[in-house]
């Protein structure tokens, strides 16, 4: 199962260059709770821009460089998004794709679910979650927290195949 997981503001903003434009501890705790002990795929630039590693997660770094030896803390190097999606799509255990923008854009057609934390405010930034047709998804779960709302969206029809 392929899941795209992102926090975004009211305009779909997810980043300001290589930084998050907000600091919302409640949403960060939610991210940790959802990703703990899970397989998480992150593009190399996003991985290197993160201030910390993601302990107790199985981190896959997506990079074109098969000899990548950058920031430590990952378990797997992935050089082909298509291969990762092909291998994970039929599995019941989710692969949580957590950025960045290019990785979201390329994997969106294959996503079985979107896990979106929507922040009610607007922020300054340069990087946006890719546009998608909301009619292609149905809301399976919606939870209101103090500082954000979580939406779990399920694709209505089978996503693109490789």
N, C-alpha and C. Protein backbone atom coordinates (compact mmCIF):
# COMPACT_ATOMS: atom_id res chain seq x y z
N UNK A 1 0.85 -1.17 0.00
CA UNK A 1 0.00 0.00 0.00
C UNK A 1 0.90 1.24 0.00
N UNK A 2 0.56 2.18 -0.84
CA UNK A 2 1.32 3.43 -0.96
C UNK A 2 0.51 4.55 -0.33
N UNK A 3 1.12 5.23 0.66
CA UNK A 3 0.46 6.33 1.37
C UNK A 3 1.34 7.57 1.28
N UNK A 4 0.76 8.67 0.83
CA UNK A 4 1.45 9.96 0.87
C UNK A 4 1.03 10.65 2.16
N UNK A 5 2.00 11.08 2.94
CA UNK A 5 1.74 11.72 4.23
C UNK A 5 2.38 13.10 4.22
N UNK A 6 1.56 14.13 4.51
CA UNK A 6 2.09 15.50 4.47
C UNK A 6 1.31 16.39 5.42
N UNK A 7 1.99 17.44 5.87
CA UNK A 7 1.34 18.54 6.59
C UNK A 7 1.35 19.72 5.64
N UNK A 8 0.20 20.39 5.51
CA UNK A 8 0.11 21.52 4.60
C UNK A 8 -0.77 22.61 5.16
N UNK A 9 -0.51 23.83 4.70
CA UNK A 9 -1.33 24.95 5.17
C UNK A 9 -2.58 25.08 4.30
N UNK A 10 -3.35 26.13 4.53
CA UNK A 10 -4.62 26.32 3.84
C UNK A 10 -4.47 26.46 2.32
N UNK A 11 -3.27 26.78 1.84
CA UNK A 11 -3.02 26.93 0.40
C UNK A 11 -2.22 25.77 -0.18
N UNK A 12 -2.00 24.71 0.60
CA UNK A 12 -1.25 23.56 0.12
C UNK A 12 0.25 23.68 0.27
N UNK A 13 0.70 24.69 0.98
CA UNK A 13 2.13 24.90 1.21
C UNK A 13 2.68 23.80 2.10
N UNK A 14 3.85 23.26 1.72
CA UNK A 14 4.50 22.23 2.55
C UNK A 14 5.91 22.63 2.97
N UNK A 15 6.47 23.66 2.36
CA UNK A 15 7.84 24.02 2.71
C UNK A 15 8.23 25.40 2.25
N UNK A 16 9.32 25.88 2.82
CA UNK A 16 9.93 27.14 2.42
C UNK A 16 11.39 26.82 2.09
N UNK A 17 11.65 26.66 0.81
CA UNK A 17 12.94 26.15 0.33
C UNK A 17 13.15 24.77 0.96
N UNK A 18 14.10 24.60 1.83
CA UNK A 18 14.33 23.28 2.41
C UNK A 18 13.94 23.20 3.89
N UNK A 19 13.05 24.08 4.32
CA UNK A 19 12.61 24.11 5.73
C UNK A 19 11.09 24.03 5.81
N UNK A 20 10.61 23.58 6.96
CA UNK A 20 9.18 23.66 7.22
C UNK A 20 8.87 25.08 7.68
N UNK A 21 7.84 25.69 7.13
CA UNK A 21 7.54 27.08 7.48
C UNK A 21 6.81 27.26 8.81
N UNK A 22 6.59 26.21 9.54
CA UNK A 22 5.88 26.28 10.82
C UNK A 22 6.54 25.34 11.81
N UNK A 23 6.20 25.54 13.06
CA UNK A 23 6.60 24.60 14.12
C UNK A 23 5.35 24.35 14.95
N UNK A 24 4.71 23.22 14.74
CA UNK A 24 3.47 22.86 15.43
C UNK A 24 3.74 21.55 16.17
N UNK A 25 4.14 21.64 17.45
CA UNK A 25 4.50 20.43 18.21
C UNK A 25 3.42 19.34 18.18
N UNK A 26 2.16 19.75 18.23
CA UNK A 26 1.07 18.77 18.22
C UNK A 26 1.08 17.95 16.92
N UNK A 27 1.34 18.60 15.80
CA UNK A 27 1.38 17.89 14.52
C UNK A 27 2.63 17.03 14.42
N UNK A 28 3.75 17.52 14.94
CA UNK A 28 4.98 16.73 14.95
C UNK A 28 4.81 15.46 15.78
N UNK A 29 4.12 15.56 16.90
CA UNK A 29 3.85 14.38 17.74
C UNK A 29 2.94 13.40 16.99
N UNK A 30 1.98 13.93 16.26
CA UNK A 30 1.09 13.09 15.45
C UNK A 30 1.89 12.36 14.37
N UNK A 31 2.78 13.10 13.69
CA UNK A 31 3.64 12.49 12.67
C UNK A 31 4.46 11.36 13.28
N UNK A 32 5.02 11.61 14.43
CA UNK A 32 5.83 10.58 15.09
C UNK A 32 4.97 9.35 15.41
N UNK A 33 3.80 9.57 15.96
CA UNK A 33 2.91 8.47 16.32
C UNK A 33 2.54 7.64 15.09
N UNK A 34 2.25 8.29 13.98
CA UNK A 34 1.83 7.58 12.76
C UNK A 34 2.99 6.86 12.07
N UNK A 35 4.21 7.39 12.20
CA UNK A 35 5.34 6.82 11.47
C UNK A 35 6.21 5.87 12.28
N UNK A 36 6.04 5.85 13.59
CA UNK A 36 6.88 5.01 14.45
C UNK A 36 6.79 3.55 14.01
N UNK A 37 7.94 2.92 13.83
CA UNK A 37 8.08 1.52 13.44
C UNK A 37 7.55 1.22 12.04
N UNK A 38 7.32 2.25 11.24
CA UNK A 38 6.83 2.07 9.88
C UNK A 38 7.96 2.28 8.87
N UNK A 39 7.70 1.88 7.63
CA UNK A 39 8.62 2.14 6.52
C UNK A 39 8.26 3.51 5.94
N UNK A 40 9.27 4.38 5.88
CA UNK A 40 9.09 5.77 5.46
C UNK A 40 10.04 6.04 4.30
N UNK A 41 9.50 6.55 3.20
CA UNK A 41 10.32 6.92 2.04
C UNK A 41 10.43 8.44 1.98
N UNK A 42 11.66 8.94 1.86
CA UNK A 42 11.91 10.38 1.83
C UNK A 42 12.93 10.65 0.74
N UNK A 43 12.67 11.68 -0.07
CA UNK A 43 13.65 12.09 -1.07
C UNK A 43 14.92 12.58 -0.39
N UNK A 44 16.04 12.42 -1.09
CA UNK A 44 17.35 12.75 -0.52
C UNK A 44 17.44 14.19 -0.03
N UNK A 45 16.99 15.14 -0.83
CA UNK A 45 17.10 16.55 -0.42
C UNK A 45 16.31 16.82 0.86
N UNK A 46 15.12 16.26 0.94
CA UNK A 46 14.30 16.43 2.15
C UNK A 46 14.97 15.76 3.34
N UNK A 47 15.50 14.56 3.13
CA UNK A 47 16.19 13.84 4.20
C UNK A 47 17.35 14.67 4.74
N UNK A 48 18.17 15.20 3.84
CA UNK A 48 19.34 15.96 4.27
C UNK A 48 18.96 17.29 4.93
N UNK A 49 17.81 17.84 4.58
CA UNK A 49 17.37 19.11 5.16
C UNK A 49 16.75 18.94 6.54
N UNK A 50 16.35 17.72 6.88
CA UNK A 50 15.71 17.50 8.19
C UNK A 50 16.71 17.76 9.30
N UNK A 51 16.24 18.38 10.36
CA UNK A 51 17.11 18.73 11.48
C UNK A 51 17.54 17.52 12.30
N UNK A 52 16.75 16.48 12.25
CA UNK A 52 17.10 15.26 12.99
C UNK A 52 16.80 14.05 12.12
N UNK A 53 17.22 12.90 12.59
CA UNK A 53 16.89 11.66 11.89
C UNK A 53 15.53 11.19 12.39
N UNK A 54 15.09 10.06 11.92
CA UNK A 54 13.80 9.51 12.34
C UNK A 54 14.05 8.17 13.03
N UNK A 55 14.43 8.21 14.30
CA UNK A 55 14.70 6.95 15.00
C UNK A 55 13.44 6.09 15.10
N UNK A 56 13.65 4.81 15.17
CA UNK A 56 12.59 3.82 15.31
C UNK A 56 11.66 3.79 14.10
N UNK A 57 12.19 4.20 12.94
CA UNK A 57 11.49 4.05 11.67
C UNK A 57 12.45 3.35 10.70
N UNK A 58 11.88 2.71 9.71
CA UNK A 58 12.67 2.08 8.65
C UNK A 58 12.73 3.10 7.51
N UNK A 59 13.79 3.89 7.48
CA UNK A 59 13.89 5.01 6.54
C UNK A 59 14.51 4.54 5.23
N UNK A 60 13.79 4.84 4.14
CA UNK A 60 14.26 4.61 2.78
C UNK A 60 14.56 6.00 2.20
N UNK A 61 15.77 6.22 1.74
CA UNK A 61 16.13 7.49 1.11
C UNK A 61 16.14 7.28 -0.40
N UNK A 62 15.36 8.10 -1.10
CA UNK A 62 15.29 8.03 -2.56
C UNK A 62 16.34 8.95 -3.15
N UNK A 63 17.26 8.38 -3.90
CA UNK A 63 18.35 9.14 -4.51
C UNK A 63 18.77 8.48 -5.82
N UNK A 64 19.30 9.27 -6.73
CA UNK A 64 19.81 8.70 -7.98
C UNK A 64 21.18 8.05 -7.77
N UNK A 65 21.81 8.33 -6.64
CA UNK A 65 23.17 7.86 -6.36
C UNK A 65 23.13 6.54 -5.59
N UNK A 66 23.45 5.42 -6.23
CA UNK A 66 23.41 4.13 -5.53
C UNK A 66 24.47 4.01 -4.44
N UNK A 67 25.46 4.89 -4.46
CA UNK A 67 26.52 4.87 -3.46
C UNK A 67 26.33 5.95 -2.40
N UNK A 68 25.11 6.45 -2.27
CA UNK A 68 24.82 7.53 -1.32
C UNK A 68 25.31 7.16 0.08
N UNK A 69 26.04 8.07 0.67
CA UNK A 69 26.54 7.85 2.04
C UNK A 69 26.45 9.16 2.81
N UNK A 70 25.38 9.90 2.58
CA UNK A 70 25.21 11.20 3.23
C UNK A 70 24.77 11.07 4.67
N UNK A 71 23.84 11.90 5.05
CA UNK A 71 23.35 11.96 6.43
C UNK A 71 22.98 10.56 6.94
N UNK A 72 23.52 10.14 8.08
CA UNK A 72 23.22 8.80 8.61
C UNK A 72 21.80 8.72 9.17
N UNK A 73 21.38 7.50 9.47
CA UNK A 73 20.09 7.28 10.11
C UNK A 73 19.10 6.55 9.23
N UNK A 74 19.47 6.23 8.01
CA UNK A 74 18.57 5.51 7.12
C UNK A 74 18.95 4.04 7.09
N UNK A 75 18.02 3.20 6.63
CA UNK A 75 18.29 1.76 6.50
C UNK A 75 18.47 1.35 5.04
N UNK A 76 17.77 2.03 4.15
CA UNK A 76 17.73 1.60 2.76
C UNK A 76 18.01 2.77 1.82
N UNK A 77 18.67 2.48 0.71
CA UNK A 77 18.84 3.42 -0.38
C UNK A 77 17.97 2.92 -1.53
N UNK A 78 17.14 3.79 -2.05
CA UNK A 78 16.29 3.45 -3.19
C UNK A 78 16.69 4.35 -4.35
N UNK A 79 16.96 3.75 -5.50
CA UNK A 79 17.36 4.54 -6.67
C UNK A 79 16.26 4.63 -7.72
N UNK A 80 15.16 3.92 -7.52
CA UNK A 80 14.06 3.94 -8.48
C UNK A 80 12.73 4.01 -7.74
N UNK A 81 12.04 5.12 -7.88
CA UNK A 81 10.72 5.26 -7.25
C UNK A 81 9.76 4.22 -7.83
N UNK A 82 9.83 4.00 -9.13
CA UNK A 82 8.94 3.03 -9.77
C UNK A 82 9.14 1.63 -9.19
N UNK A 83 10.37 1.25 -8.96
CA UNK A 83 10.65 -0.08 -8.40
C UNK A 83 10.11 -0.19 -6.98
N UNK A 84 10.30 0.85 -6.19
CA UNK A 84 9.79 0.85 -4.81
C UNK A 84 8.27 0.71 -4.82
N UNK A 85 7.61 1.50 -5.65
CA UNK A 85 6.15 1.46 -5.73
C UNK A 85 5.68 0.08 -6.20
N UNK A 86 6.32 -0.47 -7.22
CA UNK A 86 5.96 -1.79 -7.73
C UNK A 86 6.06 -2.84 -6.63
N UNK A 87 7.11 -2.76 -5.81
CA UNK A 87 7.30 -3.75 -4.74
C UNK A 87 6.36 -3.55 -3.56
N UNK A 88 5.98 -2.30 -3.26
CA UNK A 88 5.18 -2.03 -2.07
C UNK A 88 3.69 -1.99 -2.32
N UNK A 89 3.26 -1.67 -3.54
CA UNK A 89 1.83 -1.47 -3.80
C UNK A 89 0.98 -2.66 -3.38
N UNK A 90 1.39 -3.89 -3.66
CA UNK A 90 0.52 -5.02 -3.28
C UNK A 90 0.57 -5.39 -1.79
N UNK A 91 1.47 -4.81 -1.04
CA UNK A 91 1.61 -5.18 0.36
C UNK A 91 0.55 -4.50 1.24
N UNK A 92 0.16 -5.17 2.30
CA UNK A 92 -0.80 -4.59 3.25
C UNK A 92 -0.14 -3.53 4.12
N UNK A 93 1.13 -3.75 4.46
CA UNK A 93 1.85 -2.76 5.27
C UNK A 93 2.11 -1.52 4.42
N UNK A 94 1.81 -0.34 4.95
CA UNK A 94 1.99 0.86 4.13
C UNK A 94 3.45 1.29 4.00
N UNK A 95 3.76 1.87 2.85
CA UNK A 95 4.99 2.63 2.67
C UNK A 95 4.56 4.09 2.75
N UNK A 96 5.04 4.80 3.77
CA UNK A 96 4.65 6.19 3.98
C UNK A 96 5.62 7.09 3.24
N UNK A 97 5.14 7.74 2.20
CA UNK A 97 5.96 8.66 1.43
C UNK A 97 5.81 10.04 2.05
N UNK A 98 6.92 10.57 2.54
CA UNK A 98 6.89 11.79 3.36
C UNK A 98 7.68 12.94 2.75
N UNK A 99 7.73 13.03 1.45
CA UNK A 99 8.34 14.18 0.81
C UNK A 99 9.63 13.85 0.11
N UNK A 100 10.11 14.84 -0.54
CA UNK A 100 9.65 16.18 -0.75
C UNK A 100 8.71 16.30 -1.94
N UNK A 101 8.63 17.52 -2.45
CA UNK A 101 7.65 17.86 -3.48
C UNK A 101 7.78 16.99 -4.72
N UNK A 102 8.99 16.76 -5.20
CA UNK A 102 9.17 15.93 -6.40
C UNK A 102 8.72 14.50 -6.14
N UNK A 103 9.04 13.99 -4.97
CA UNK A 103 8.65 12.62 -4.64
C UNK A 103 7.14 12.51 -4.53
N UNK A 104 6.49 13.51 -3.92
CA UNK A 104 5.02 13.52 -3.87
C UNK A 104 4.44 13.56 -5.28
N UNK A 105 4.95 14.46 -6.10
CA UNK A 105 4.44 14.64 -7.47
C UNK A 105 4.53 13.34 -8.26
N UNK A 106 5.67 12.68 -8.18
CA UNK A 106 5.89 11.46 -8.96
C UNK A 106 5.11 10.26 -8.42
N UNK A 107 4.83 10.24 -7.13
CA UNK A 107 4.15 9.07 -6.55
C UNK A 107 2.64 9.25 -6.40
N UNK A 108 2.14 10.46 -6.54
CA UNK A 108 0.70 10.72 -6.36
C UNK A 108 -0.19 9.82 -7.22
N UNK A 109 0.12 9.59 -8.50
CA UNK A 109 -0.77 8.73 -9.30
C UNK A 109 -0.89 7.30 -8.77
N UNK A 110 0.07 6.86 -7.97
CA UNK A 110 0.08 5.49 -7.46
C UNK A 110 -0.42 5.38 -6.03
N UNK A 111 -0.73 6.49 -5.41
CA UNK A 111 -1.11 6.50 -3.99
C UNK A 111 -2.45 5.82 -3.78
N UNK A 112 -2.48 4.93 -2.80
CA UNK A 112 -3.73 4.30 -2.38
C UNK A 112 -4.45 5.19 -1.37
N UNK A 113 -3.66 5.90 -0.56
CA UNK A 113 -4.22 6.79 0.47
C UNK A 113 -3.39 8.05 0.58
N UNK A 114 -4.04 9.12 1.04
CA UNK A 114 -3.37 10.36 1.41
C UNK A 114 -3.66 10.60 2.88
N UNK A 115 -2.63 10.84 3.67
CA UNK A 115 -2.78 11.20 5.08
C UNK A 115 -2.33 12.65 5.20
N UNK A 116 -3.29 13.55 5.32
CA UNK A 116 -2.98 14.98 5.27
C UNK A 116 -3.33 15.66 6.58
N UNK A 117 -2.36 16.37 7.12
CA UNK A 117 -2.57 17.23 8.29
C UNK A 117 -2.74 18.64 7.76
N UNK A 118 -3.93 19.19 7.91
CA UNK A 118 -4.22 20.52 7.38
C UNK A 118 -4.15 21.55 8.50
N UNK A 119 -3.24 22.51 8.32
CA UNK A 119 -3.09 23.61 9.27
C UNK A 119 -3.99 24.74 8.81
N UNK A 120 -4.76 25.36 9.70
CA UNK A 120 -5.73 26.37 9.28
C UNK A 120 -5.11 27.69 8.84
N UNK A 121 -3.90 27.97 9.26
CA UNK A 121 -3.27 29.25 8.94
C UNK A 121 -2.57 29.18 7.59
N UNK A 122 -2.10 30.34 7.13
CA UNK A 122 -1.28 30.41 5.93
C UNK A 122 0.11 30.88 6.32
N UNK A 123 1.08 30.41 5.56
CA UNK A 123 2.48 30.69 5.86
C UNK A 123 3.18 31.13 4.59
N UNK A 124 4.37 31.67 4.76
CA UNK A 124 5.22 32.04 3.62
C UNK A 124 6.02 30.81 3.21
N UNK A 125 6.10 30.58 1.91
CA UNK A 125 6.89 29.45 1.47
C UNK A 125 6.98 29.33 -0.04
N UNK A 126 7.70 28.32 -0.47
CA UNK A 126 8.00 28.14 -1.89
C UNK A 126 7.62 26.77 -2.43
N UNK A 127 7.28 25.83 -1.56
CA UNK A 127 7.07 24.44 -1.98
C UNK A 127 5.65 24.01 -1.62
N UNK A 128 4.95 23.43 -2.60
CA UNK A 128 3.55 23.07 -2.42
C UNK A 128 3.31 21.58 -2.69
N UNK A 129 2.31 21.04 -1.99
CA UNK A 129 1.86 19.68 -2.26
C UNK A 129 1.24 19.68 -3.65
N UNK A 130 1.42 18.62 -4.42
CA UNK A 130 0.86 18.61 -5.78
C UNK A 130 -0.66 18.67 -5.77
N UNK A 131 -1.20 19.33 -6.77
CA UNK A 131 -2.66 19.39 -6.93
C UNK A 131 -3.18 17.99 -7.25
N UNK A 132 -4.35 17.69 -6.73
CA UNK A 132 -4.99 16.41 -7.04
C UNK A 132 -6.48 16.63 -7.08
N UNK A 133 -7.18 15.78 -7.80
CA UNK A 133 -8.62 15.88 -7.93
C UNK A 133 -9.27 15.23 -6.70
N UNK A 134 -9.89 16.05 -5.88
CA UNK A 134 -10.51 15.53 -4.66
C UNK A 134 -11.60 14.51 -4.95
N UNK A 135 -12.17 14.56 -6.16
CA UNK A 135 -13.21 13.59 -6.53
C UNK A 135 -12.66 12.17 -6.66
N UNK A 136 -11.33 12.05 -6.79
CA UNK A 136 -10.71 10.73 -6.90
C UNK A 136 -10.57 10.04 -5.54
N UNK A 137 -10.83 10.78 -4.47
CA UNK A 137 -10.63 10.26 -3.12
C UNK A 137 -11.89 10.43 -2.28
N UNK A 138 -12.03 9.58 -1.27
CA UNK A 138 -13.12 9.74 -0.30
C UNK A 138 -12.51 9.85 1.09
N UNK A 139 -13.16 10.62 1.93
CA UNK A 139 -12.67 10.79 3.30
C UNK A 139 -13.04 9.55 4.10
N UNK A 140 -12.02 8.86 4.58
CA UNK A 140 -12.24 7.66 5.39
C UNK A 140 -12.19 8.00 6.88
N UNK A 141 -11.39 9.02 7.22
CA UNK A 141 -11.22 9.39 8.62
C UNK A 141 -10.93 10.88 8.68
N UNK A 142 -11.51 11.54 9.66
CA UNK A 142 -11.25 12.96 9.88
C UNK A 142 -11.20 13.19 11.39
N UNK A 143 -10.08 13.76 11.85
CA UNK A 143 -9.90 14.01 13.28
C UNK A 143 -9.49 15.46 13.47
N UNK A 144 -10.19 16.15 14.33
CA UNK A 144 -9.87 17.54 14.62
C UNK A 144 -9.00 17.60 15.88
N UNK A 145 -7.84 18.20 15.72
CA UNK A 145 -6.93 18.45 16.83
C UNK A 145 -6.95 19.94 17.12
N UNK A 146 -6.27 20.37 18.16
CA UNK A 146 -6.27 21.78 18.53
C UNK A 146 -5.68 22.66 17.44
N UNK A 147 -4.56 22.23 16.85
CA UNK A 147 -3.82 23.08 15.90
C UNK A 147 -3.92 22.63 14.45
N UNK A 148 -4.58 21.52 14.18
CA UNK A 148 -4.69 21.02 12.80
C UNK A 148 -5.82 20.00 12.72
N UNK A 149 -6.18 19.65 11.48
CA UNK A 149 -7.12 18.57 11.23
C UNK A 149 -6.42 17.50 10.41
N UNK A 150 -6.67 16.26 10.77
CA UNK A 150 -6.11 15.14 10.01
C UNK A 150 -7.20 14.56 9.12
N UNK A 151 -6.84 14.31 7.86
CA UNK A 151 -7.73 13.66 6.91
C UNK A 151 -7.04 12.43 6.34
N UNK A 152 -7.73 11.32 6.42
CA UNK A 152 -7.26 10.10 5.76
C UNK A 152 -8.16 9.90 4.55
N UNK A 153 -7.57 10.03 3.37
CA UNK A 153 -8.30 9.94 2.12
C UNK A 153 -7.96 8.64 1.41
N UNK A 154 -8.98 7.92 0.96
CA UNK A 154 -8.79 6.67 0.21
C UNK A 154 -9.11 6.92 -1.25
N UNK A 155 -8.26 6.40 -2.12
CA UNK A 155 -8.53 6.52 -3.56
C UNK A 155 -9.77 5.68 -3.88
N UNK A 156 -10.69 6.26 -4.64
CA UNK A 156 -11.93 5.56 -4.98
C UNK A 156 -11.69 4.42 -5.96
N UNK A 157 -10.85 4.69 -6.96
CA UNK A 157 -10.53 3.67 -7.96
C UNK A 157 -9.07 3.31 -7.81
N UNK A 158 -8.72 2.18 -8.33
CA UNK A 158 -7.33 1.74 -8.28
C UNK A 158 -6.43 2.80 -8.92
N UNK A 159 -5.32 3.10 -8.25
CA UNK A 159 -4.37 4.07 -8.78
C UNK A 159 -3.67 3.55 -10.02
N UNK A 160 -2.87 4.40 -10.63
CA UNK A 160 -2.13 4.05 -11.83
C UNK A 160 -1.27 2.82 -11.57
N UNK A 161 -1.06 2.05 -12.61
CA UNK A 161 -0.17 0.91 -12.48
C UNK A 161 1.11 1.19 -13.26
N UNK A 162 2.14 0.46 -12.91
CA UNK A 162 3.45 0.66 -13.56
C UNK A 162 3.57 -0.17 -14.80
